[in-house]
PDB file of N, CA and C in Angstrom:
ATOM      1  N   MET A   1      -2.865 -16.179  -4.682  1.00  0.00           N
ATOM      2  CA  MET A   1      -4.182 -15.891  -5.217  1.00  0.00           C
ATOM      3  C   MET A   1      -4.031 -15.738  -6.712  1.00  0.00           C
ATOM      4  N   GLY A   2      -4.409 -16.727  -7.497  1.00  0.00           N
ATOM      5  CA  GLY A   2      -4.228 -16.703  -8.933  1.00  0.00           C
ATOM      6  C   GLY A   2      -5.372 -16.007  -9.642  1.00  0.00           C
ATOM      7  N   GLY A   3      -5.228 -15.847 -10.951  1.00  0.00           N
ATOM      8  CA  GLY A   3      -6.266 -15.240 -11.758  1.00  0.00           C
ATOM      9  C   GLY A   3      -6.054 -13.755 -11.953  1.00  0.00           C
ATOM     10  N   ILE A   4      -6.908 -13.195 -12.767  1.00  0.00           N
ATOM     11  CA  ILE A   4      -6.849 -11.766 -13.076  1.00  0.00           C
ATOM     12  C   ILE A   4      -7.390 -10.979 -11.889  1.00  0.00           C
ATOM     13  N   VAL A   5      -6.822  -9.793 -11.692  1.00  0.00           N
ATOM     14  CA  VAL A   5      -7.263  -8.936 -10.598  1.00  0.00           C
ATOM     15  C   VAL A   5      -8.617  -8.342 -10.948  1.00  0.00           C
ATOM     16  N   THR A   6      -9.605  -8.590 -10.107  1.00  0.00           N
ATOM     17  CA  THR A   6     -10.947  -8.048 -10.292  1.00  0.00           C
ATOM     18  C   THR A   6     -11.322  -7.282  -9.032  1.00  0.00           C
ATOM     19  N   ALA A   7     -12.431  -6.581  -9.111  1.00  0.00           N
ATOM     20  CA  ALA A   7     -12.900  -5.841  -7.939  1.00  0.00           C
ATOM     21  C   ALA A   7     -13.129  -6.790  -6.765  1.00  0.00           C
ATOM     22  N   SER A   8     -13.675  -7.955  -7.046  1.00  0.00           N
ATOM     23  CA  SER A   8     -13.931  -8.890  -5.944  1.00  0.00           C
ATOM     24  C   SER A   8     -12.632  -9.441  -5.368  1.00  0.00           C
ATOM     25  N   SER A   9     -11.617  -9.670  -6.221  1.00  0.00           N
ATOM     26  CA  SER A   9     -10.352 -10.172  -5.680  1.00  0.00           C
ATOM     27  C   SER A   9      -9.652  -9.098  -4.863  1.00  0.00           C
ATOM     28  N   VAL A  10      -9.724  -7.836  -5.286  1.00  0.00           N
ATOM     29  CA  VAL A  10      -9.151  -6.749  -4.496  1.00  0.00           C
ATOM     30  C   VAL A  10      -9.917  -6.632  -3.178  1.00  0.00           C
ATOM     31  N   GLY A  11     -11.218  -6.781  -3.229  1.00  0.00           N
ATOM     32  CA  GLY A  11     -12.017  -6.762  -2.010  1.00  0.00           C
ATOM     33  C   GLY A  11     -11.624  -7.874  -1.059  1.00  0.00           C
ATOM     34  N   GLN A  12     -11.360  -9.042  -1.598  1.00  0.00           N
ATOM     35  CA  GLN A  12     -10.944 -10.171  -0.771  1.00  0.00           C
ATOM     36  C   GLN A  12      -9.556  -9.908  -0.179  1.00  0.00           C
ATOM     37  N   ILE A  13      -8.640  -9.385  -0.982  1.00  0.00           N
ATOM     38  CA  ILE A  13      -7.304  -9.052  -0.483  1.00  0.00           C
ATOM     39  C   ILE A  13      -7.413  -7.991   0.606  1.00  0.00           C
ATOM     40  N   TYR A  14      -8.267  -6.996   0.382  1.00  0.00           N
ATOM     41  CA  TYR A  14      -8.466  -5.950   1.383  1.00  0.00           C
ATOM     42  C   TYR A  14      -8.973  -6.563   2.693  1.00  0.00           C
ATOM     43  N   ALA A  15      -9.983  -7.405   2.591  1.00  0.00           N
ATOM     44  CA  ALA A  15     -10.562  -8.015   3.797  1.00  0.00           C
ATOM     45  C   ALA A  15      -9.536  -8.851   4.557  1.00  0.00           C
ATOM     46  N   GLU A  16      -8.660  -9.515   3.831  1.00  0.00           N
ATOM     47  CA  GLU A  16      -7.697 -10.410   4.460  1.00  0.00           C
ATOM     48  C   GLU A  16      -6.432  -9.715   4.946  1.00  0.00           C
ATOM     49  N   HIS A  17      -6.070  -8.571   4.346  1.00  0.00           N
ATOM     50  CA  HIS A  17      -4.747  -8.019   4.605  1.00  0.00           C
ATOM     51  C   HIS A  17      -4.703  -6.541   5.007  1.00  0.00           C
ATOM     52  N   ALA A  18      -5.811  -5.827   4.969  1.00  0.00           N
ATOM     53  CA  ALA A  18      -5.778  -4.385   5.249  1.00  0.00           C
ATOM     54  C   ALA A  18      -5.336  -4.080   6.679  1.00  0.00           C
ATOM     55  N   VAL A  19      -5.848  -4.814   7.637  1.00  0.00           N
ATOM     56  CA  VAL A  19      -5.477  -4.561   9.036  1.00  0.00           C
ATOM     57  C   VAL A  19      -3.993  -4.857   9.229  1.00  0.00           C
ATOM     58  N   TRP A  20      -3.528  -5.967   8.671  1.00  0.00           N
ATOM     59  CA  TRP A  20      -2.109  -6.303   8.756  1.00  0.00           C
ATOM     60  C   TRP A  20      -1.253  -5.193   8.145  1.00  0.00           C
ATOM     61  N   LEU A  21      -1.630  -4.709   6.954  1.00  0.00           N
ATOM     62  CA  LEU A  21      -0.856  -3.667   6.279  1.00  0.00           C
ATOM     63  C   LEU A  21      -0.857  -2.378   7.097  1.00  0.00           C
ATOM     64  N   ARG A  22      -2.007  -1.997   7.610  1.00  0.00           N
ATOM     65  CA  ARG A  22      -2.089  -0.773   8.432  1.00  0.00           C
ATOM     66  C   ARG A  22      -1.189  -0.894   9.662  1.00  0.00           C
ATOM     67  N   ASN A  23      -1.177  -2.048  10.300  1.00  0.00           N
ATOM     68  CA  ASN A  23      -0.306  -2.265  11.460  1.00  0.00           C
ATOM     69  C   ASN A  23       1.167  -2.240  11.054  1.00  0.00           C
ATOM     70  N   TRP A  24       1.491  -2.831   9.912  1.00  0.00           N
ATOM     71  CA  TRP A  24       2.863  -2.832   9.403  1.00  0.00           C
ATOM     72  C   TRP A  24       3.322  -1.402   9.137  1.00  0.00           C
ATOM     73  N   LEU A  25       2.463  -0.619   8.516  1.00  0.00           N
ATOM     74  CA  LEU A  25       2.800   0.784   8.243  1.00  0.00           C
ATOM     75  C   LEU A  25       2.872   1.605   9.529  1.00  0.00           C
ATOM     76  N   HIS A  26       1.992   1.333  10.464  1.00  0.00           N
ATOM     77  CA  HIS A  26       2.018   2.055  11.739  1.00  0.00           C
ATOM     78  C   HIS A  26       3.339   1.817  12.460  1.00  0.00           C
ATOM     79  N   GLY A  27       3.854   0.610  12.367  1.00  0.00           N
ATOM     80  CA  GLY A  27       5.141   0.303  12.978  1.00  0.00           C
ATOM     81  C   GLY A  27       6.284   1.092  12.362  1.00  0.00           C
ATOM     82  N   ARG A  28       6.137   1.476  11.109  1.00  0.00           N
ATOM     83  CA  ARG A  28       7.187   2.231  10.434  1.00  0.00           C
ATOM     84  C   ARG A  28       6.991   3.743  10.528  1.00  0.00           C
ATOM     85  N   THR A  29       5.744   4.188  10.579  1.00  0.00           N
ATOM     86  CA  THR A  29       5.476   5.629  10.594  1.00  0.00           C
ATOM     87  C   THR A  29       5.263   6.164  12.005  1.00  0.00           C
ATOM     88  N   ARG A  30       4.841   5.305  12.915  1.00  0.00           N
ATOM     89  CA  ARG A  30       4.493   5.703  14.286  1.00  0.00           C
ATOM     90  C   ARG A  30       3.340   6.713  14.310  1.00  0.00           C
ATOM     91  N   CYS A  31       2.512   6.666  13.262  1.00  0.00           N
ATOM     92  CA  CYS A  31       1.360   7.571  13.169  1.00  0.00           C
ATOM     93  C   CYS A  31       0.187   6.789  12.589  1.00  0.00           C
ATOM     94  N   ALA A  32      -0.864   6.623  13.383  1.00  0.00           N
ATOM     95  CA  ALA A  32      -2.024   5.838  12.948  1.00  0.00           C
ATOM     96  C   ALA A  32      -2.705   6.460  11.729  1.00  0.00           C
ATOM     97  N   HIS A  33      -2.789   7.789  11.695  1.00  0.00           N
ATOM     98  CA  HIS A  33      -3.464   8.450  10.578  1.00  0.00           C
ATOM     99  C   HIS A  33      -2.678   8.296   9.280  1.00  0.00           C
ATOM    100  N   TRP A  34      -1.373   8.479   9.365  1.00  0.00           N
ATOM    101  CA  TRP A  34      -0.524   8.337   8.188  1.00  0.00           C
ATOM    102  C   TRP A  34      -0.548   6.888   7.698  1.00  0.00           C
ATOM    103  N   ALA A  35      -0.522   5.937   8.623  1.00  0.00           N
ATOM    104  CA  ALA A  35      -0.586   4.524   8.259  1.00  0.00           C
ATOM    105  C   ALA A  35      -1.907   4.207   7.562  1.00  0.00           C
ATOM    106  N   ALA A  36      -2.995   4.759   8.055  1.00  0.00           N
ATOM    107  CA  ALA A  36      -4.301   4.531   7.421  1.00  0.00           C
ATOM    108  C   ALA A  36      -4.337   5.137   6.022  1.00  0.00           C
ATOM    109  N   ASP A  37      -3.791   6.341   5.862  1.00  0.00           N
ATOM    110  CA  ASP A  37      -3.753   6.980   4.547  1.00  0.00           C
ATOM    111  C   ASP A  37      -2.911   6.172   3.563  1.00  0.00           C
ATOM    112  N   LEU A  38      -1.754   5.711   4.017  1.00  0.00           N
ATOM    113  CA  LEU A  38      -0.890   4.917   3.143  1.00  0.00           C
ATOM    114  C   LEU A  38      -1.527   3.573   2.796  1.00  0.00           C
ATOM    115  N   THR A  39      -2.264   2.997   3.730  1.00  0.00           N
ATOM    116  CA  THR A  39      -2.974   1.742   3.448  1.00  0.00           C
ATOM    117  C   THR A  39      -3.997   1.965   2.343  1.00  0.00           C
ATOM    118  N   GLN A  40      -4.753   3.036   2.462  1.00  0.00           N
ATOM    119  CA  GLN A  40      -5.752   3.345   1.435  1.00  0.00           C
ATOM    120  C   GLN A  40      -5.084   3.574   0.081  1.00  0.00           C
ATOM    121  N   GLU A  41      -3.999   4.341   0.078  1.00  0.00           N
ATOM    122  CA  GLU A  41      -3.296   4.624  -1.172  1.00  0.00           C
ATOM    123  C   GLU A  41      -2.696   3.352  -1.774  1.00  0.00           C
ATOM    124  N   THR A  42      -2.234   2.448  -0.923  1.00  0.00           N
ATOM    125  CA  THR A  42      -1.688   1.179  -1.409  1.00  0.00           C
ATOM    126  C   THR A  42      -2.758   0.389  -2.150  1.00  0.00           C
ATOM    127  N   PHE A  43      -3.958   0.324  -1.590  1.00  0.00           N
ATOM    128  CA  PHE A  43      -5.023  -0.420  -2.257  1.00  0.00           C
ATOM    129  C   PHE A  43      -5.498   0.294  -3.518  1.00  0.00           C
ATOM    130  N   CYS A  44      -5.449   1.608  -3.539  1.00  0.00           N
ATOM    131  CA  CYS A  44      -5.756   2.342  -4.778  1.00  0.00           C
ATOM    132  C   CYS A  44      -4.759   1.959  -5.872  1.00  0.00           C
ATOM    133  N   ARG A  45      -3.491   1.887  -5.509  1.00  0.00           N
ATOM    134  CA  ARG A  45      -2.459   1.490  -6.474  1.00  0.00           C
ATOM    135  C   ARG A  45      -2.663   0.050  -6.925  1.00  0.00           C
ATOM    136  N   LEU A  46      -3.113  -0.791  -6.031  1.00  0.00           N
ATOM    137  CA  LEU A  46      -3.380  -2.183  -6.394  1.00  0.00           C
ATOM    138  C   LEU A  46      -4.481  -2.247  -7.448  1.00  0.00           C
ATOM    139  N   VAL A  47      -5.521  -1.455  -7.268  1.00  0.00           N
ATOM    140  CA  VAL A  47      -6.623  -1.420  -8.234  1.00  0.00           C
ATOM    141  C   VAL A  47      -6.131  -0.898  -9.583  1.00  0.00           C
ATOM    142  N   GLU A  48      -5.193   0.055  -9.551  1.00  0.00           N
ATOM    143  CA  GLU A  48      -4.695   0.700 -10.772  1.00  0.00           C
ATOM    144  C   GLU A  48      -3.595  -0.090 -11.471  1.00  0.00           C
ATOM    145  N   ARG A  49      -3.204  -1.250 -10.932  1.00  0.00           N
ATOM    146  CA  ARG A  49      -2.125  -2.043 -11.544  1.00  0.00           C
ATOM    147  C   ARG A  49      -2.377  -2.232 -13.031  1.00  0.00           C
ATOM    148  N   ARG A  50      -1.357  -2.019 -13.800  1.00  0.00           N
ATOM    149  CA  ARG A  50      -1.487  -2.123 -15.257  1.00  0.00           C
ATOM    150  C   ARG A  50      -1.363  -3.551 -15.771  1.00  0.00           C
ATOM    151  N   ASP A  51      -0.544  -4.364 -15.134  1.00  0.00           N
ATOM    152  CA  ASP A  51      -0.337  -5.701 -15.683  1.00  0.00           C
ATOM    153  C   ASP A  51      -1.539  -6.611 -15.491  1.00  0.00           C
ATOM    154  N   GLY A  52      -2.309  -6.384 -14.432  1.00  0.00           N
ATOM    155  CA  GLY A  52      -3.526  -7.158 -14.221  1.00  0.00           C
ATOM    156  C   GLY A  52      -3.308  -8.641 -14.076  1.00  0.00           C
ATOM    157  N   GLY A  53      -2.057  -9.043 -13.909  1.00  0.00           N
ATOM    158  CA  GLY A  53      -1.744 -10.458 -13.774  1.00  0.00           C
ATOM    159  C   GLY A  53      -2.151 -11.001 -12.426  1.00  0.00           C
ATOM    160  N   PRO A  54      -1.925 -12.272 -12.242  1.00  0.00           N
ATOM    161  CA  PRO A  54      -2.294 -12.907 -10.976  1.00  0.00           C
ATOM    162  C   PRO A  54      -1.462 -12.375  -9.817  1.00  0.00           C
ATOM    163  N   ILE A  55      -2.065 -12.356  -8.665  1.00  0.00           N
ATOM    164  CA  ILE A  55      -1.369 -11.955  -7.448  1.00  0.00           C
ATOM    165  C   ILE A  55      -1.103 -13.226  -6.661  1.00  0.00           C
ATOM    166  N   ARG A  56       0.138 -13.655  -6.683  1.00  0.00           N
ATOM    167  CA  ARG A  56       0.487 -14.911  -6.027  1.00  0.00           C
ATOM    168  C   ARG A  56       0.758 -14.737  -4.538  1.00  0.00           C
ATOM    169  N   ASP A  57       1.326 -13.586  -4.179  1.00  0.00           N
ATOM    170  CA  ASP A  57       1.673 -13.327  -2.780  1.00  0.00           C
ATOM    171  C   ASP A  57       1.199 -11.917  -2.420  1.00  0.00           C
ATOM    172  N   PRO A  58      -0.060 -11.778  -2.001  1.00  0.00           N
ATOM    173  CA  PRO A  58      -0.628 -10.454  -1.753  1.00  0.00           C
ATOM    174  C   PRO A  58       0.163  -9.612  -0.755  1.00  0.00           C
ATOM    175  N   ARG A  59       0.625 -10.212   0.330  1.00  0.00           N
ATOM    176  CA  ARG A  59       1.351  -9.419   1.329  1.00  0.00           C
ATOM    177  C   ARG A  59       2.662  -8.881   0.768  1.00  0.00           C
ATOM    178  N   ASN A  60       3.336  -9.677  -0.027  1.00  0.00           N
ATOM    179  CA  ASN A  60       4.578  -9.208  -0.629  1.00  0.00           C
ATOM    180  C   ASN A  60       4.293  -8.027  -1.559  1.00  0.00           C
ATOM    181  N   LEU A  61       3.289  -8.144  -2.395  1.00  0.00           N
ATOM    182  CA  LEU A  61       2.942  -7.064  -3.315  1.00  0.00           C
ATOM    183  C   LEU A  61       2.509  -5.815  -2.548  1.00  0.00           C
ATOM    184  N   LEU A  62       1.684  -5.972  -1.548  1.00  0.00           N
ATOM    185  CA  LEU A  62       1.238  -4.831  -0.741  1.00  0.00           C
ATOM    186  C   LEU A  62       2.419  -4.155  -0.049  1.00  0.00           C
ATOM    187  N   THR A  63       3.353  -4.955   0.445  1.00  0.00           N
ATOM    188  CA  THR A  63       4.531  -4.407   1.104  1.00  0.00           C
ATOM    189  C   THR A  63       5.379  -3.598   0.134  1.00  0.00           C
ATOM    190  N   VAL A  64       5.570  -4.111  -1.068  1.00  0.00           N
ATOM    191  CA  VAL A  64       6.361  -3.398  -2.075  1.00  0.00           C
ATOM    192  C   VAL A  64       5.696  -2.065  -2.420  1.00  0.00           C
ATOM    193  N   ILE A  65       4.399  -2.094  -2.680  1.00  0.00           N
ATOM    194  CA  ILE A  65       3.675  -0.864  -3.027  1.00  0.00           C
ATOM    195  C   ILE A  65       3.735   0.130  -1.870  1.00  0.00           C
ATOM    196  N   ALA A  66       3.438  -0.342  -0.661  1.00  0.00           N
ATOM    197  CA  ALA A  66       3.417   0.541   0.511  1.00  0.00           C
ATOM    198  C   ALA A  66       4.795   1.126   0.797  1.00  0.00           C
ATOM    199  N   ARG A  67       5.839   0.320   0.670  1.00  0.00           N
ATOM    200  CA  ARG A  67       7.197   0.801   0.916  1.00  0.00           C
ATOM    201  C   ARG A  67       7.561   1.898  -0.084  1.00  0.00           C
ATOM    202  N   ARG A  68       7.205   1.712  -1.337  1.00  0.00           N
ATOM    203  CA  ARG A  68       7.491   2.725  -2.356  1.00  0.00           C
ATOM    204  C   ARG A  68       6.723   4.017  -2.076  1.00  0.00           C
ATOM    205  N   LEU A  69       5.467   3.893  -1.659  1.00  0.00           N
ATOM    206  CA  LEU A  69       4.690   5.085  -1.310  1.00  0.00           C
ATOM    207  C   LEU A  69       5.302   5.809  -0.115  1.00  0.00           C
ATOM    208  N   LEU A  70       5.698   5.046   0.886  1.00  0.00           N
ATOM    209  CA  LEU A  70       6.297   5.640   2.085  1.00  0.00           C
ATOM    210  C   LEU A  70       7.592   6.370   1.736  1.00  0.00           C
ATOM    211  N   ILE A  71       8.445   5.758   0.936  1.00  0.00           N
ATOM    212  CA  ILE A  71       9.693   6.400   0.523  1.00  0.00           C
ATOM    213  C   ILE A  71       9.399   7.681  -0.247  1.00  0.00           C
ATOM    214  N   GLY A  72       8.429   7.637  -1.152  1.00  0.00           N
ATOM    215  CA  GLY A  72       8.056   8.832  -1.903  1.00  0.00           C
ATOM    216  C   GLY A  72       7.570   9.955  -1.010  1.00  0.00           C
ATOM    217  N   HIS A  73       6.746   9.615  -0.033  1.00  0.00           N
ATOM    218  CA  HIS A  73       6.245  10.628   0.907  1.00  0.00           C
ATOM    219  C   HIS A  73       7.385  11.221   1.728  1.00  0.00           C
ATOM    220  N   LEU A  74       8.311  10.375   2.179  1.00  0.00           N
ATOM    221  CA  LEU A  74       9.435  10.861   2.972  1.00  0.00           C
ATOM    222  C   LEU A  74      10.345  11.770   2.149  1.00  0.00           C
ATOM    223  N   ARG A  75      10.570  11.410   0.901  1.00  0.00           N
ATOM    224  CA  ARG A  75      11.396  12.252   0.028  1.00  0.00           C
ATOM    225  C   ARG A  75      10.754  13.612  -0.196  1.00  0.00           C
ATOM    226  N   ARG A  76       9.454  13.621  -0.465  1.00  0.00           N
ATOM    227  CA  ARG A  76       8.756  14.895  -0.671  1.00  0.00           C
ATOM    228  C   ARG A  76       8.770  15.743   0.595  1.00  0.00           C
ATOM    229  N   ARG A  77       8.592  15.093   1.749  1.00  0.00           N
ATOM    230  CA  ARG A  77       8.628  15.825   3.013  1.00  0.00           C
ATOM    231  C   ARG A  77       9.995  16.445   3.250  1.00  0.00           C
ATOM    232  N   ASP A  78      11.039  15.652   3.009  1.00  0.00           N
ATOM    233  CA  ASP A  78      12.407  16.151   3.197  1.00  0.00           C
ATOM    234  C   ASP A  78      12.718  17.296   2.239  1.00  0.00           C
ATOM    235  N   LEU A  79      12.245  17.173   1.013  1.00  0.00           N
ATOM    236  CA  LEU A  79      12.450  18.229   0.025  1.00  0.00           C
ATOM    237  C   LEU A  79      11.727  19.512   0.441  1.00  0.00           C
ATOM    238  N   ALA A  80      10.491  19.365   0.919  1.00  0.00           N
ATOM    239  CA  ALA A  80       9.731  20.525   1.364  1.00  0.00           C
ATOM    240  C   ALA A  80      10.401  21.193   2.565  1.00  0.00           C
ATOM    241  N   GLN A  81      10.916  20.392   3.491  1.00  0.00           N
ATOM    242  CA  GLN A  81      11.597  20.948   4.656  1.00  0.00           C
ATOM    243  C   GLN A  81      12.891  21.659   4.252  1.00  0.00           C
ATOM    244  N   ALA A  82      13.605  21.092   3.298  1.00  0.00           N
ATOM    245  CA  ALA A  82      14.843  21.713   2.820  1.00  0.00           C
ATOM    246  C   ALA A  82      14.530  23.041   2.125  1.00  0.00           C
ATOM    247  N   TYR A  83      13.428  23.077   1.405  1.00  0.00           N
ATOM    248  CA  TYR A  83      13.031  24.298   0.701  1.00  0.00           C
ATOM    249  C   TYR A  83      12.675  25.405   1.689  1.00  0.00           C
ATOM    250  N   LEU A  84      11.996  25.034   2.758  1.00  0.00           N
ATOM    251  CA  LEU A  84      11.590  26.027   3.758  1.00  0.00           C
ATOM    252  C   LEU A  84      12.786  26.494   4.572  1.00  0.00           C
TER     253      LEU A  84
END
């Protein structure tokens, strides 16, 4: 998907890939609610992208963003558990 990222292009990416991403995250988290939250956060990060360049492979980009969010959440959870 070439061109600059716009609200309509993010909307199109969401329409085409949100269910896939939520299912991908559900397979890793085993929690539908957590997968839905991470999906939403992934698309928020997509909207906030600073480079604004073209998105050539939406699923790859979504996977990278979602994986980083998941790792961050797991690290914070582990840290909180260690603290307690």
